[in-house]
C-alpha cells in the first residue's frame, strides 16, 4: 500500500504536470499541421505557388502513413516503448519541420519548384513523426491516468491540439507579416520546444517505471502479434469507427486548409486585420490576438473541471452559472473587436477547431462520469 502511495501517477499535481508536457507535443504538431492554411495567399504571391502546389505540399504530410508508416510506428512503439519511440519519431517531426523552414527561407533555392520539392520532403518527414507521436502521447496518458480522470485527460490533450490548430490558422499571417518564412520558422521552433518538454517528461517516466517495478511493468506491456492486427482489422466495430474517422478527415481536414482562402476570395472576407481589430499585449499584436484563444480554452477547462470538484449539487450549479456569466461578460466586452474578426478569413476559419477547444474538455468530463452512453451521445 505504501508503494502505491509513492507512485508519481497517484499524485494529481504530477499527473497534470505530465499532461502539460505531453500536450506541448500535441499543440506544436497540430500547429505545424494546420498553420499553412492562413498563409496560402501569401505563398502564392511571394513563393509563386499555385493552389495545386499548395495542395500537394499539404497532402504530402500523409503520404508515408498511407504507405503503412503509422503501422510501423505503432509496432516500434510496442517493441521499444515510449522513451525510444518518442525520441525517434519526435526527431522525425523536428527534422521535417526544420527542412520545411529552410526550404521556405530559400536555403535550398528560391525558385518555386525547388522550394515546393523540399517543403514536401520536409512535410513527409514531419508526417512520419506526427501520427506516431499522437499515438505515443495517447498511450502515455493511459499510463499516467488509468484509474483516474482518463477521458478528461484525453480531452484536454486534444483541446491543446485544437488550440494549436486554431492559433496556427489565425496567427500565422500575424507572425509572418509580409513573408512566409518567419511563420514557418516559428512553427518549427515550437516543435523543438515541445520536444525539450518531452525530454523533461522522460525523467518522470523513468522514475515511474522504477516505482512500478520490473515485474508489474512487464505484466502491463503488450507484445505485438500479427494475429492481433488481423483480428483488429476484421472486427466490425473497428471498421465502422475507422470509416467514421475517414469520413471526418476527408471532409473537414482538407476544408480547413482552404477555408481562409475560400472566405477571402469567394465571400469577400479580409485577409489582413484592420488596425482597430488588433489586440496588443506588451506591445505585441500576435501575443494579444493569441490571448483570445487561450482565454476561451481556459473557459472550456473551467466548465469541465471546476464543477466536478464541488460535491453538492447546488454548488455545482452555482459554479456553472458564475463561469457562464463570466464567459458572456468576456464575449460582450470584446464584441466590437470580435465582430471584425468574424469578417476576416484566417480568424473566422480558426473557429472550426475553436469549437473543440471549448467543448472537448466538457465532453471528456461527462465520459469520465457516464461512460459509454455519454460517448455515444457525443458521437451522435
Foldseek 3Di string as FASTA:
>chain_A
DVLVVPFQLVDPVSLVLLLVLLLLLLLLLLLLLALCLLCVVLCCVQQVDDPVLVVLLNVLLCPVVVVPLLVVLVQCCLVPHLPVSLVVLLVLLLQLLVQLLCLQVQVQHRHNVSSSVSSSVSSNSNSSSSNSSVVSSLVVLCVRAVVHLSLLSVLLSVLSNLLSNLLSLQCLCVQQPSGNNRSSVVSSVSSVVSSVSVVVSVVSVVVNDVSCPPVNVVVPRDNDDVVVVVVQVPDPVNVVVVVVVVVCCVPPVVCLSNQLVCLCPPVPFASDQDPVLFADDPNRRSVRVSVVLVVLLVLLLQLQPVLVVDDDPVVSVVSNVVSVVVVVVVCVVNVVNVVSLCRHRSNVSSVVSSVSSNCSSNLSSVCSPPPPVSVVVVVD
